[in-house]
Amino acid sequence: MTKKETKSKEIPWFGIGVIATCCHVPLMPLLYAIGGAWISSLATTQTFRFLFIIPILLYIGLGYRKLYLPLNISKEDPSCIPDGVKQKQRMLFWVSSLLIILIWILA
């Protein structure tokens, strides 16, 4: 007899917590009306701006490699991604890459 593999239906609470923290923690000072002067200290990070663009370009390049460069995957493999999903991923990749580069240029 063969055992059927069951997919885990556990909810990734740690990942959800990290994402929520990333989005909500920067807004907490505004929620409690704490603001103003400390934000001006962030202007000192402008000199290190070029250090942040290196990992951004690296990750954009890795995303391009994952989406466009051919992999040696068998066509009979059921885990292959359908073309419609791949096109949506590619569109999302280009939109997000352009937004990231646009934000970096305008900042």
PDB file of N, CA and C in Angstrom:
ATOM      1  N   MET A   1       0.824  -1.180   0.000  1.00  0.00           N
ATOM      2  CA  MET A   1       0.000   0.000   0.000  1.00  0.00           C
ATOM      3  C   MET A   1       0.871   1.247   0.000  1.00  0.00           C
ATOM      4  N   THR A   2       0.440   2.214  -0.689  1.00  0.00           N
ATOM      5  CA  THR A   2       1.186   3.473  -0.705  1.00  0.00           C
ATOM      6  C   THR A   2       0.463   4.495   0.145  1.00  0.00           C
ATOM      7  N   LYS A   3       1.231   5.272   0.800  1.00  0.00           N
ATOM      8  CA  LYS A   3       0.664   6.337   1.623  1.00  0.00           C
ATOM      9  C   LYS A   3       0.465   7.576   0.759  1.00  0.00           C
ATOM     10  N   LYS A   4      -0.678   8.160   0.877  1.00  0.00           N
ATOM     11  CA  LYS A   4      -0.930   9.408   0.171  1.00  0.00           C
ATOM     12  C   LYS A   4      -0.298  10.548   0.954  1.00  0.00           C
ATOM     13  N   GLU A   5       0.369  11.401   0.226  1.00  0.00           N
ATOM     14  CA  GLU A   5       0.959  12.569   0.869  1.00  0.00           C
ATOM     15  C   GLU A   5      -0.144  13.593   1.104  1.00  0.00           C
ATOM     16  N   THR A   6      -0.218  14.070   2.301  1.00  0.00           N
ATOM     17  CA  THR A   6      -1.208  15.093   2.608  1.00  0.00           C
ATOM     18  C   THR A   6      -0.508  16.429   2.730  1.00  0.00           C
ATOM     19  N   LYS A   7      -1.124  17.427   2.166  1.00  0.00           N
ATOM     20  CA  LYS A   7      -0.568  18.769   2.268  1.00  0.00           C
ATOM     21  C   LYS A   7      -0.923  19.344   3.621  1.00  0.00           C
ATOM     22  N   SER A   8       0.036  20.006   4.196  1.00  0.00           N
ATOM     23  CA  SER A   8      -0.176  20.617   5.498  1.00  0.00           C
ATOM     24  C   SER A   8      -1.091  21.828   5.344  1.00  0.00           C
ATOM     25  N   LYS A   9      -2.077  21.912   6.197  1.00  0.00           N
ATOM     26  CA  LYS A   9      -2.988  23.052   6.154  1.00  0.00           C
ATOM     27  C   LYS A   9      -2.729  23.987   7.317  1.00  0.00           C
ATOM     28  N   GLU A  10      -1.517  23.956   7.819  1.00  0.00           N
ATOM     29  CA  GLU A  10      -1.169  24.844   8.913  1.00  0.00           C
ATOM     30  C   GLU A  10      -1.030  26.266   8.383  1.00  0.00           C
ATOM     31  N   ILE A  11      -1.393  27.206   9.186  1.00  0.00           N
ATOM     32  CA  ILE A  11      -1.297  28.611   8.812  1.00  0.00           C
ATOM     33  C   ILE A  11       0.082  29.120   9.231  1.00  0.00           C
ATOM     34  N   PRO A  12       0.827  29.763   8.318  1.00  0.00           N
ATOM     35  CA  PRO A  12       2.167  30.248   8.644  1.00  0.00           C
ATOM     36  C   PRO A  12       2.108  31.534   9.479  1.00  0.00           C
ATOM     37  N   TRP A  13       1.829  31.386  10.765  1.00  0.00           N
ATOM     38  CA  TRP A  13       1.646  32.544  11.628  1.00  0.00           C
ATOM     39  C   TRP A  13       2.902  33.395  11.741  1.00  0.00           C
ATOM     40  N   PHE A  14       4.078  32.762  11.744  1.00  0.00           N
ATOM     41  CA  PHE A  14       5.314  33.547  11.856  1.00  0.00           C
ATOM     42  C   PHE A  14       5.472  34.477  10.660  1.00  0.00           C
ATOM     43  N   GLY A  15       5.243  33.955   9.454  1.00  0.00           N
ATOM     44  CA  GLY A  15       5.353  34.782   8.251  1.00  0.00           C
ATOM     45  C   GLY A  15       4.327  35.894   8.231  1.00  0.00           C
ATOM     46  N   ILE A  16       3.129  35.590   8.668  1.00  0.00           N
ATOM     47  CA  ILE A  16       2.087  36.609   8.733  1.00  0.00           C
ATOM     48  C   ILE A  16       2.469  37.687   9.739  1.00  0.00           C
ATOM     49  N   GLY A  17       3.046  37.272  10.849  1.00  0.00           N
ATOM     50  CA  GLY A  17       3.483  38.235  11.867  1.00  0.00           C
ATOM     51  C   GLY A  17       4.585  39.146  11.361  1.00  0.00           C
ATOM     52  N   VAL A  18       5.544  38.577  10.624  1.00  0.00           N
ATOM     53  CA  VAL A  18       6.644  39.389  10.081  1.00  0.00           C
ATOM     54  C   VAL A  18       6.110  40.404   9.079  1.00  0.00           C
ATOM     55  N   ILE A  19       5.214  39.968   8.214  1.00  0.00           N
ATOM     56  CA  ILE A  19       4.657  40.879   7.215  1.00  0.00           C
ATOM     57  C   ILE A  19       3.847  41.989   7.885  1.00  0.00           C
ATOM     58  N   ALA A  20       3.060  41.629   8.860  1.00  0.00           N
ATOM     59  CA  ALA A  20       2.249  42.629   9.552  1.00  0.00           C
ATOM     60  C   ALA A  20       3.127  43.614  10.307  1.00  0.00           C
ATOM     61  N   THR A  21       4.198  43.117  10.914  1.00  0.00           N
ATOM     62  CA  THR A  21       5.113  43.992  11.644  1.00  0.00           C
ATOM     63  C   THR A  21       5.798  44.962  10.694  1.00  0.00           C
ATOM     64  N   CYS A  22       6.185  44.465   9.554  1.00  0.00           N
ATOM     65  CA  CYS A  22       6.873  45.300   8.570  1.00  0.00           C
ATOM     66  C   CYS A  22       5.987  46.457   8.121  1.00  0.00           C
ATOM     67  N   CYS A  23       4.716  46.210   8.011  1.00  0.00           N
ATOM     68  CA  CYS A  23       3.809  47.241   7.510  1.00  0.00           C
ATOM     69  C   CYS A  23       3.273  48.167   8.601  1.00  0.00           C
ATOM     70  N   HIS A  24       3.047  47.636   9.779  1.00  0.00           N
ATOM     71  CA  HIS A  24       2.357  48.416  10.795  1.00  0.00           C
ATOM     72  C   HIS A  24       3.268  49.142  11.784  1.00  0.00           C
ATOM     73  N   VAL A  25       4.430  48.583  12.068  1.00  0.00           N
ATOM     74  CA  VAL A  25       5.304  49.219  13.059  1.00  0.00           C
ATOM     75  C   VAL A  25       5.728  50.628  12.646  1.00  0.00           C
ATOM     76  N   PRO A  26       6.069  50.891  11.380  1.00  0.00           N
ATOM     77  CA  PRO A  26       6.419  52.277  11.027  1.00  0.00           C
ATOM     78  C   PRO A  26       5.266  53.261  11.192  1.00  0.00           C
ATOM     79  N   LEU A  27       4.036  52.782  11.170  1.00  0.00           N
ATOM     80  CA  LEU A  27       2.888  53.672  11.315  1.00  0.00           C
ATOM     81  C   LEU A  27       2.486  53.901  12.766  1.00  0.00           C
ATOM     82  N   MET A  28       3.026  53.125  13.683  1.00  0.00           N
ATOM     83  CA  MET A  28       2.641  53.244  15.087  1.00  0.00           C
ATOM     84  C   MET A  28       2.938  54.629  15.681  1.00  0.00           C
ATOM     85  N   PRO A  29       4.096  55.244  15.403  1.00  0.00           N
ATOM     86  CA  PRO A  29       4.304  56.594  15.957  1.00  0.00           C
ATOM     87  C   PRO A  29       3.257  57.598  15.485  1.00  0.00           C
ATOM     88  N   LEU A  30       2.815  57.468  14.247  1.00  0.00           N
ATOM     89  CA  LEU A  30       1.778  58.380  13.760  1.00  0.00           C
ATOM     90  C   LEU A  30       0.452  58.125  14.458  1.00  0.00           C
ATOM     91  N   LEU A  31       0.193  56.864  14.775  1.00  0.00           N
ATOM     92  CA  LEU A  31      -1.046  56.527  15.456  1.00  0.00           C
ATOM     93  C   LEU A  31      -1.106  57.176  16.835  1.00  0.00           C
ATOM     94  N   TYR A  32       0.027  57.224  17.507  1.00  0.00           N
ATOM     95  CA  TYR A  32       0.079  57.809  18.844  1.00  0.00           C
ATOM     96  C   TYR A  32       0.509  59.280  18.819  1.00  0.00           C
ATOM     97  N   ALA A  33       0.478  59.903  17.655  1.00  0.00           N
ATOM     98  CA  ALA A  33       0.806  61.320  17.473  1.00  0.00           C
ATOM     99  C   ALA A  33       2.227  61.649  17.909  1.00  0.00           C
ATOM    100  N   ILE A  34       3.121  60.706  17.701  1.00  0.00           N
ATOM    101  CA  ILE A  34       4.547  60.951  17.955  1.00  0.00           C
ATOM    102  C   ILE A  34       5.179  61.153  16.587  1.00  0.00           C
ATOM    103  N   GLY A  35       5.722  62.265  16.361  1.00  0.00           N
ATOM    104  CA  GLY A  35       6.299  62.505  15.049  1.00  0.00           C
ATOM    105  C   GLY A  35       7.238  63.682  15.107  1.00  0.00           C
ATOM    106  N   GLY A  36       7.541  64.165  13.959  1.00  0.00           N
ATOM    107  CA  GLY A  36       8.275  65.406  13.914  1.00  0.00           C
ATOM    108  C   GLY A  36       9.773  65.263  13.775  1.00  0.00           C
ATOM    109  N   ALA A  37      10.476  65.676  14.803  1.00  0.00           N
ATOM    110  CA  ALA A  37      11.907  65.928  14.710  1.00  0.00           C
ATOM    111  C   ALA A  37      12.746  64.692  14.425  1.00  0.00           C
ATOM    112  N   TRP A  38      12.393  63.542  14.952  1.00  0.00           N
ATOM    113  CA  TRP A  38      13.250  62.371  14.762  1.00  0.00           C
ATOM    114  C   TRP A  38      13.286  61.931  13.305  1.00  0.00           C
ATOM    115  N   ILE A  39      12.288  62.288  12.519  1.00  0.00           N
ATOM    116  CA  ILE A  39      12.269  61.888  11.114  1.00  0.00           C
ATOM    117  C   ILE A  39      13.396  62.581  10.346  1.00  0.00           C
ATOM    118  N   SER A  40      13.778  63.765  10.776  1.00  0.00           N
ATOM    119  CA  SER A  40      14.864  64.469  10.086  1.00  0.00           C
ATOM    120  C   SER A  40      16.191  63.742  10.232  1.00  0.00           C
ATOM    121  N   SER A  41      16.334  62.918  11.255  1.00  0.00           N
ATOM    122  CA  SER A  41      17.574  62.157  11.412  1.00  0.00           C
ATOM    123  C   SER A  41      17.712  61.079  10.346  1.00  0.00           C
ATOM    124  N   LEU A  42      16.619  60.719   9.680  1.00  0.00           N
ATOM    125  CA  LEU A  42      16.699  59.731   8.612  1.00  0.00           C
ATOM    126  C   LEU A  42      17.404  60.287   7.374  1.00  0.00           C
ATOM    127  N   ALA A  43      17.527  61.587   7.280  1.00  0.00           N
ATOM    128  CA  ALA A  43      18.213  62.199   6.137  1.00  0.00           C
ATOM    129  C   ALA A  43      19.694  61.844   6.120  1.00  0.00           C
ATOM    130  N   THR A  44      20.248  61.449   7.252  1.00  0.00           N
ATOM    131  CA  THR A  44      21.665  61.073   7.281  1.00  0.00           C
ATOM    132  C   THR A  44      21.918  59.759   6.548  1.00  0.00           C
ATOM    133  N   THR A  45      20.884  58.968   6.335  1.00  0.00           N
ATOM    134  CA  THR A  45      21.063  57.716   5.601  1.00  0.00           C
ATOM    135  C   THR A  45      21.180  57.947   4.100  1.00  0.00           C
ATOM    136  N   GLN A  46      20.981  59.154   3.643  1.00  0.00           N
ATOM    137  CA  GLN A  46      21.075  59.465   2.217  1.00  0.00           C
ATOM    138  C   GLN A  46      22.471  59.159   1.679  1.00  0.00           C
ATOM    139  N   THR A  47      23.505  59.316   2.513  1.00  0.00           N
ATOM    140  CA  THR A  47      24.869  59.034   2.052  1.00  0.00           C
ATOM    141  C   THR A  47      25.082  57.544   1.799  1.00  0.00           C
ATOM    142  N   PHE A  48      24.260  56.681   2.396  1.00  0.00           N
ATOM    143  CA  PHE A  48      24.398  55.234   2.230  1.00  0.00           C
ATOM    144  C   PHE A  48      23.407  54.678   1.209  1.00  0.00           C
ATOM    145  N   ARG A  49      22.822  55.553   0.447  1.00  0.00           N
ATOM    146  CA  ARG A  49      21.797  55.155  -0.506  1.00  0.00           C
ATOM    147  C   ARG A  49      22.312  54.146  -1.521  1.00  0.00           C
ATOM    148  N   PHE A  50      23.529  54.309  -1.983  1.00  0.00           N
ATOM    149  CA  PHE A  50      24.074  53.410  -2.987  1.00  0.00           C
ATOM    150  C   PHE A  50      24.258  51.991  -2.442  1.00  0.00           C
ATOM    151  N   LEU A  51      24.423  51.851  -1.130  1.00  0.00           N
ATOM    152  CA  LEU A  51      24.557  50.515  -0.546  1.00  0.00           C
ATOM    153  C   LEU A  51      23.238  49.754  -0.559  1.00  0.00           C
ATOM    154  N   PHE A  52      22.133  50.460  -0.580  1.00  0.00           N
ATOM    155  CA  PHE A  52      20.826  49.805  -0.611  1.00  0.00           C
ATOM    156  C   PHE A  52      20.432  49.376  -2.013  1.00  0.00           C
ATOM    157  N   ILE A  53      20.954  50.059  -3.029  1.00  0.00           N
ATOM    158  CA  ILE A  53      20.579  49.716  -4.398  1.00  0.00           C
ATOM    159  C   ILE A  53      21.246  48.429  -4.853  1.00  0.00           C
ATOM    160  N   ILE A  54      22.394  48.078  -4.295  1.00  0.00           N
ATOM    161  CA  ILE A  54      23.086  46.848  -4.709  1.00  0.00           C
ATOM    162  C   ILE A  54      22.241  45.604  -4.419  1.00  0.00           C
ATOM    163  N   PRO A  55      21.726  45.412  -3.190  1.00  0.00           N
ATOM    164  CA  PRO A  55      20.872  44.232  -2.984  1.00  0.00           C
ATOM    165  C   PRO A  55      19.567  44.289  -3.772  1.00  0.00           C
ATOM    166  N   ILE A  56      19.034  45.489  -3.982  1.00  0.00           N
ATOM    167  CA  ILE A  56      17.798  45.608  -4.757  1.00  0.00           C
ATOM    168  C   ILE A  56      18.031  45.117  -6.187  1.00  0.00           C
ATOM    169  N   LEU A  57      19.099  45.555  -6.810  1.00  0.00           N
ATOM    170  CA  LEU A  57      19.401  45.113  -8.168  1.00  0.00           C
ATOM    171  C   LEU A  57      19.713  43.624  -8.212  1.00  0.00           C
ATOM    172  N   LEU A  58      20.355  43.109  -7.164  1.00  0.00           N
ATOM    173  CA  LEU A  58      20.640  41.677  -7.088  1.00  0.00           C
ATOM    174  C   LEU A  58      19.342  40.871  -7.057  1.00  0.00           C
ATOM    175  N   TYR A  59      18.387  41.286  -6.239  1.00  0.00           N
ATOM    176  CA  TYR A  59      17.132  40.560  -6.143  1.00  0.00           C
ATOM    177  C   TYR A  59      16.289  40.700  -7.409  1.00  0.00           C
ATOM    178  N   ILE A  60      16.345  41.850  -8.060  1.00  0.00           N
ATOM    179  CA  ILE A  60      15.646  41.994  -9.333  1.00  0.00           C
ATOM    180  C   ILE A  60      16.266  41.059 -10.367  1.00  0.00           C
ATOM    181  N   GLY A  61      17.580  40.954 -10.368  1.00  0.00           N
ATOM    182  CA  GLY A  61      18.256  40.036 -11.277  1.00  0.00           C
ATOM    183  C   GLY A  61      17.927  38.578 -10.994  1.00  0.00           C
ATOM    184  N   LEU A  62      17.856  38.206  -9.724  1.00  0.00           N
ATOM    185  CA  LEU A  62      17.493  36.832  -9.378  1.00  0.00           C
ATOM    186  C   LEU A  62      16.051  36.530  -9.777  1.00  0.00           C
ATOM    187  N   GLY A  63      15.167  37.499  -9.629  1.00  0.00           N
ATOM    188  CA  GLY A  63      13.787  37.315 -10.058  1.00  0.00           C
ATOM    189  C   GLY A  63      13.692  37.147 -11.571  1.00  0.00           C
ATOM    190  N   TYR A  64      14.465  37.935 -12.305  1.00  0.00           N
ATOM    191  CA  TYR A  64      14.496  37.807 -13.758  1.00  0.00           C
ATOM    192  C   TYR A  64      14.984  36.425 -14.157  1.00  0.00           C
ATOM    193  N   ARG A  65      16.048  35.969 -13.499  1.00  0.00           N
ATOM    194  CA  ARG A  65      16.603  34.648 -13.789  1.00  0.00           C
ATOM    195  C   ARG A  65      15.577  33.548 -13.538  1.00  0.00           C
ATOM    196  N   LYS A  66      14.852  33.670 -12.463  1.00  0.00           N
ATOM    197  CA  LYS A  66      13.853  32.660 -12.107  1.00  0.00           C
ATOM    198  C   LYS A  66      12.699  32.634 -13.114  1.00  0.00           C
ATOM    199  N   LEU A  67      12.310  33.799 -13.635  1.00  0.00           N
ATOM    200  CA  LEU A  67      11.162  33.863 -14.522  1.00  0.00           C
ATOM    201  C   LEU A  67      11.490  33.631 -15.991  1.00  0.00           C
ATOM    202  N   TYR A  68      12.672  34.017 -16.442  1.00  0.00           N
ATOM    203  CA  TYR A  68      12.932  34.022 -17.875  1.00  0.00           C
ATOM    204  C   TYR A  68      13.968  33.010 -18.347  1.00  0.00           C
ATOM    205  N   LEU A  69      14.955  32.697 -17.553  1.00  0.00           N
ATOM    206  CA  LEU A  69      15.965  31.763 -18.031  1.00  0.00           C
ATOM    207  C   LEU A  69      15.423  30.343 -17.955  1.00  0.00           C
ATOM    208  N   PRO A  70      15.648  29.566 -19.003  1.00  0.00           N
ATOM    209  CA  PRO A  70      15.061  28.222 -19.035  1.00  0.00           C
ATOM    210  C   PRO A  70      15.711  27.292 -18.005  1.00  0.00           C
ATOM    211  N   LEU A  71      14.864  26.466 -17.431  1.00  0.00           N
ATOM    212  CA  LEU A  71      15.329  25.453 -16.503  1.00  0.00           C
ATOM    213  C   LEU A  71      15.171  24.094 -17.168  1.00  0.00           C
ATOM    214  N   ASN A  72      15.946  23.143 -16.751  1.00  0.00           N
ATOM    215  CA  ASN A  72      15.853  21.802 -17.309  1.00  0.00           C
ATOM    216  C   ASN A  72      14.784  21.009 -16.558  1.00  0.00           C
ATOM    217  N   ILE A  73      13.533  21.344 -16.817  1.00  0.00           N
ATOM    218  CA  ILE A  73      12.410  20.677 -16.176  1.00  0.00           C
ATOM    219  C   ILE A  73      11.672  19.870 -17.231  1.00  0.00           C
ATOM    220  N   SER A  74      11.335  18.665 -16.889  1.00  0.00           N
ATOM    221  CA  SER A  74      10.608  17.797 -17.793  1.00  0.00           C
ATOM    222  C   SER A  74       9.201  18.344 -18.015  1.00  0.00           C
ATOM    223  N   LYS A  75       8.694  18.224 -19.226  1.00  0.00           N
ATOM    224  CA  LYS A  75       7.341  18.676 -19.535  1.00  0.00           C
ATOM    225  C   LYS A  75       6.292  17.788 -18.870  1.00  0.00           C
ATOM    226  N   GLU A  76       6.678  16.584 -18.513  1.00  0.00           N
ATOM    227  CA  GLU A  76       5.736  15.666 -17.889  1.00  0.00           C
ATOM    228  C   GLU A  76       5.641  15.864 -16.384  1.00  0.00           C
ATOM    229  N   ASP A  77       6.434  16.761 -15.858  1.00  0.00           N
ATOM    230  CA  ASP A  77       6.414  17.011 -14.419  1.00  0.00           C
ATOM    231  C   ASP A  77       5.140  17.762 -14.057  1.00  0.00           C
ATOM    232  N   PRO A  78       4.316  17.224 -13.159  1.00  0.00           N
ATOM    233  CA  PRO A  78       3.050  17.903 -12.837  1.00  0.00           C
ATOM    234  C   PRO A  78       3.219  19.175 -12.014  1.00  0.00           C
ATOM    235  N   SER A  79       4.411  19.421 -11.504  1.00  0.00           N
ATOM    236  CA  SER A  79       4.616  20.612 -10.681  1.00  0.00           C
ATOM    237  C   SER A  79       5.000  21.837 -11.502  1.00  0.00           C
ATOM    238  N   CYS A  80       5.021  21.696 -12.823  1.00  0.00           N
ATOM    239  CA  CYS A  80       5.357  22.835 -13.676  1.00  0.00           C
ATOM    240  C   CYS A  80       4.270  23.899 -13.570  1.00  0.00           C
ATOM    241  N   ILE A  81       4.677  25.137 -13.707  1.00  0.00           N
ATOM    242  CA  ILE A  81       3.743  26.249 -13.597  1.00  0.00           C
ATOM    243  C   ILE A  81       3.058  26.458 -14.943  1.00  0.00           C
ATOM    244  N   PRO A  82       1.736  26.583 -14.961  1.00  0.00           N
ATOM    245  CA  PRO A  82       1.031  26.847 -16.227  1.00  0.00           C
ATOM    246  C   PRO A  82       1.432  28.203 -16.815  1.00  0.00           C
ATOM    247  N   ASP A  83       1.239  28.335 -18.133  1.00  0.00           N
ATOM    248  CA  ASP A  83       1.646  29.559 -18.826  1.00  0.00           C
ATOM    249  C   ASP A  83       0.896  30.788 -18.331  1.00  0.00           C
ATOM    250  N   GLY A  84      -0.367  30.672 -18.013  1.00  0.00           N
ATOM    251  CA  GLY A  84      -1.142  31.823 -17.546  1.00  0.00           C
ATOM    252  C   GLY A  84      -0.597  32.371 -16.241  1.00  0.00           C
ATOM    253  N   VAL A  85      -0.196  31.486 -15.345  1.00  0.00           N
ATOM    254  CA  VAL A  85       0.371  31.911 -14.064  1.00  0.00           C
ATOM    255  C   VAL A  85       1.733  32.552 -14.297  1.00  0.00           C
ATOM    256  N   LYS A  86       2.503  31.954 -15.199  1.00  0.00           N
ATOM    257  CA  LYS A  86       3.834  32.496 -15.488  1.00  0.00           C
ATOM    258  C   LYS A  86       3.729  33.901 -16.080  1.00  0.00           C
ATOM    259  N   GLN A  87       2.744  34.143 -16.936  1.00  0.00           N
ATOM    260  CA  GLN A  87       2.574  35.473 -17.517  1.00  0.00           C
ATOM    261  C   GLN A  87       2.178  36.491 -16.451  1.00  0.00           C
ATOM    262  N   LYS A  88       1.335  36.097 -15.514  1.00  0.00           N
ATOM    263  CA  LYS A  88       0.956  36.996 -14.424  1.00  0.00           C
ATOM    264  C   LYS A  88       2.156  37.307 -13.544  1.00  0.00           C
ATOM    265  N   GLN A  89       2.979  36.300 -13.282  1.00  0.00           N
ATOM    266  CA  GLN A  89       4.180  36.523 -12.478  1.00  0.00           C
ATOM    267  C   GLN A  89       5.136  37.471 -13.187  1.00  0.00           C
ATOM    268  N   ARG A  90       5.285  37.304 -14.474  1.00  0.00           N
ATOM    269  CA  ARG A  90       6.170  38.181 -15.238  1.00  0.00           C
ATOM    270  C   ARG A  90       5.654  39.621 -15.249  1.00  0.00           C
ATOM    271  N   MET A  91       4.335  39.784 -15.417  1.00  0.00           N
ATOM    272  CA  MET A  91       3.761  41.127 -15.401  1.00  0.00           C
ATOM    273  C   MET A  91       3.968  41.785 -14.032  1.00  0.00           C
ATOM    274  N   LEU A  92       3.716  41.036 -12.978  1.00  0.00           N
ATOM    275  CA  LEU A  92       3.922  41.554 -11.631  1.00  0.00           C
ATOM    276  C   LEU A  92       5.390  41.890 -11.387  1.00  0.00           C
ATOM    277  N   PHE A  93       6.286  41.066 -11.913  1.00  0.00           N
ATOM    278  CA  PHE A  93       7.722  41.329 -11.787  1.00  0.00           C
ATOM    279  C   PHE A  93       8.094  42.661 -12.423  1.00  0.00           C
ATOM    280  N   TRP A  94       7.621  42.900 -13.655  1.00  0.00           N
ATOM    281  CA  TRP A  94       7.997  44.137 -14.345  1.00  0.00           C
ATOM    282  C   TRP A  94       7.365  45.360 -13.707  1.00  0.00           C
ATOM    283  N   VAL A  95       6.126  45.246 -13.273  1.00  0.00           N
ATOM    284  CA  VAL A  95       5.472  46.391 -12.630  1.00  0.00           C
ATOM    285  C   VAL A  95       6.186  46.737 -11.327  1.00  0.00           C
ATOM    286  N   SER A  96       6.471  45.726 -10.518  1.00  0.00           N
ATOM    287  CA  SER A  96       7.139  45.998  -9.243  1.00  0.00           C
ATOM    288  C   SER A  96       8.574  46.481  -9.453  1.00  0.00           C
ATOM    289  N   SER A  97       9.269  45.929 -10.435  1.00  0.00           N
ATOM    290  CA  SER A  97      10.640  46.383 -10.700  1.00  0.00           C
ATOM    291  C   SER A  97      10.656  47.840 -11.146  1.00  0.00           C
ATOM    292  N   LEU A  98       9.728  48.203 -12.019  1.00  0.00           N
ATOM    293  CA  LEU A  98       9.663  49.596 -12.468  1.00  0.00           C
ATOM    294  C   LEU A  98       9.302  50.534 -11.326  1.00  0.00           C
ATOM    295  N   LEU A  99       8.388  50.123 -10.456  1.00  0.00           N
ATOM    296  CA  LEU A  99       8.043  50.959  -9.307  1.00  0.00           C
ATOM    297  C   LEU A  99       9.224  51.125  -8.360  1.00  0.00           C
ATOM    298  N   ILE A 100       9.955  50.059  -8.122  1.00  0.00           N
ATOM    299  CA  ILE A 100      11.125  50.141  -7.236  1.00  0.00           C
ATOM    300  C   ILE A 100      12.165  51.087  -7.808  1.00  0.00           C
ATOM    301  N   ILE A 101      12.452  50.951  -9.094  1.00  0.00           N
ATOM    302  CA  ILE A 101      13.460  51.813  -9.718  1.00  0.00           C
ATOM    303  C   ILE A 101      12.967  53.259  -9.769  1.00  0.00           C
ATOM    304  N   LEU A 102      11.684  53.461 -10.034  1.00  0.00           N
ATOM    305  CA  LEU A 102      11.127  54.809 -10.063  1.00  0.00           C
ATOM    306  C   LEU A 102      11.199  55.469  -8.682  1.00  0.00           C
ATOM    307  N   ILE A 103      10.871  54.729  -7.655  1.00  0.00           N
ATOM    308  CA  ILE A 103      10.972  55.259  -6.296  1.00  0.00           C
ATOM    309  C   ILE A 103      12.410  55.592  -5.956  1.00  0.00           C
ATOM    310  N   TRP A 104      13.343  54.748  -6.370  1.00  0.00           N
ATOM    311  CA  TRP A 104      14.756  55.000  -6.065  1.00  0.00           C
ATOM    312  C   TRP A 104      15.248  56.249  -6.791  1.00  0.00           C
ATOM    313  N   ILE A 105      14.804  56.459  -8.021  1.00  0.00           N
ATOM    314  CA  ILE A 105      15.244  57.629  -8.787  1.00  0.00           C
ATOM    315  C   ILE A 105      14.645  58.912  -8.199  1.00  0.00           C
ATOM    316  N   LEU A 106      13.374  58.869  -7.838  1.00  0.00           N
ATOM    317  CA  LEU A 106      12.693  60.078  -7.357  1.00  0.00           C
ATOM    318  C   LEU A 106      13.013  60.414  -5.907  1.00  0.00           C
ATOM    319  N   ALA A 107      13.488  59.464  -5.154  1.00  0.00           N
ATOM    320  CA  ALA A 107      13.753  59.719  -3.732  1.00  0.00           C
ATOM    321  C   ALA A 107      14.986  60.554  -3.524  1.00  0.00           C
TER     322      ALA A 107
END
